[in-house]
């Protein structure tokens, strides 16, 4: 739940990296998936509602010129990214 996808010049949208809740995970901070960033559900929900684009109450929306996404800067080592 509360999934937000991200991409850059090297990895396009369709490759499916994301930030999302991971209720099955209790070892946060350790690599566990194909590249997604796992969060506690309550943290993912807060970030989802804070970040842009504004969902206007919808569960799925893509960024646009009129409703751009939030810039994301990831610090630290990100294997393969």
Protein backbone atom coordinates (compact mmCIF):
# COMPACT_ATOMS: atom_id res chain seq x y z
CA UNK A 1 0.00 0.00 0.00
CA UNK A 2 0.87 3.70 -0.39
CA UNK A 3 3.19 3.10 -3.35
CA UNK A 4 5.02 5.91 -5.10
CA UNK A 5 7.22 5.13 -8.10
CA UNK A 6 10.42 6.94 -8.97
CA UNK A 7 12.86 7.01 -11.86
CA UNK A 8 15.86 8.87 -13.20
CA UNK A 9 17.78 9.32 -16.45
CA UNK A 10 19.28 5.82 -16.18
CA UNK A 11 16.14 3.94 -15.10
CA UNK A 12 12.84 4.86 -16.81
CA UNK A 13 9.36 4.77 -15.22
CA UNK A 14 8.50 1.32 -16.56
CA UNK A 15 11.24 -0.38 -14.50
CA UNK A 16 9.06 -0.03 -11.42
CA UNK A 17 11.20 1.21 -8.54
CA UNK A 18 9.10 2.53 -5.72
CA UNK A 19 8.65 3.61 -2.15
CA UNK A 20 5.91 1.63 -0.41
CA UNK A 21 4.64 0.12 2.79
CA UNK A 22 6.06 -3.30 3.62
CA UNK A 23 3.98 -4.79 6.44
CA UNK A 24 5.86 -8.09 6.03
CA UNK A 25 9.23 -6.47 6.76
CA UNK A 26 10.61 -5.79 10.22
CA UNK A 27 14.26 -5.36 9.23
CA UNK A 28 14.20 -1.85 7.77
CA UNK A 29 17.49 -0.42 6.52
CA UNK A 30 18.70 -3.71 5.03
CA UNK A 31 18.46 -4.54 1.29
CA UNK A 32 15.51 -6.91 0.75
CA UNK A 33 13.90 -6.31 -2.63
CA UNK A 34 14.63 -5.60 -6.31
CA UNK A 35 15.22 -1.93 -5.57
CA UNK A 36 12.15 -0.61 -3.78
CA UNK A 37 12.39 1.36 -0.56
CA UNK A 38 10.30 -0.35 2.12
CA UNK A 39 8.67 1.64 4.94
CA UNK A 40 6.50 0.90 7.94
CA UNK A 41 2.88 1.23 6.85
CA UNK A 42 2.21 4.28 9.02
CA UNK A 43 5.32 6.04 7.66
CA UNK A 44 4.45 5.17 4.05
CA UNK A 45 0.94 6.57 4.54
CA UNK A 46 2.27 9.87 5.93
CA UNK A 47 4.78 10.22 3.07
CA UNK A 48 2.15 9.29 0.45
CA UNK A 49 -0.22 12.02 1.63
CA UNK A 50 2.59 14.59 1.97
CA UNK A 51 4.23 14.04 -1.43
CA UNK A 52 3.05 15.41 -4.74
CA UNK A 53 1.33 15.04 -7.13
CA UNK A 54 -1.87 15.73 -5.25
CA UNK A 55 -4.05 12.63 -5.66
CA UNK A 56 -7.32 14.57 -5.36
CA UNK A 57 -8.73 11.62 -3.41
CA UNK A 58 -7.82 9.05 -6.08
CA UNK A 59 -5.77 5.97 -5.31
CA UNK A 60 -3.73 6.19 -8.54
CA UNK A 61 -2.46 9.27 -10.36
CA UNK A 62 0.57 10.20 -12.47
CA UNK A 63 2.50 13.44 -12.33
CA UNK A 64 1.84 16.01 -15.03
CA UNK A 65 2.90 19.54 -15.93
CA UNK A 66 -0.10 20.86 -13.97
CA UNK A 67 0.40 18.48 -11.03
CA UNK A 68 4.15 17.67 -10.83
CA UNK A 69 5.73 15.10 -8.55
CA UNK A 70 7.94 15.74 -5.55
CA UNK A 71 11.69 15.90 -6.18
CA UNK A 72 13.40 12.97 -4.49
CA UNK A 73 17.03 12.87 -3.40
CA UNK A 74 18.31 9.58 -2.04
CA UNK A 75 21.48 9.74 0.06
CA UNK A 76 23.80 6.83 0.67
CA UNK A 77 24.64 3.77 -1.33
CA UNK A 78 21.93 2.40 -3.58
CA UNK A 79 23.19 -0.83 -5.11
CA UNK A 80 22.63 -0.88 -8.87
CA UNK A 81 20.83 2.44 -9.04
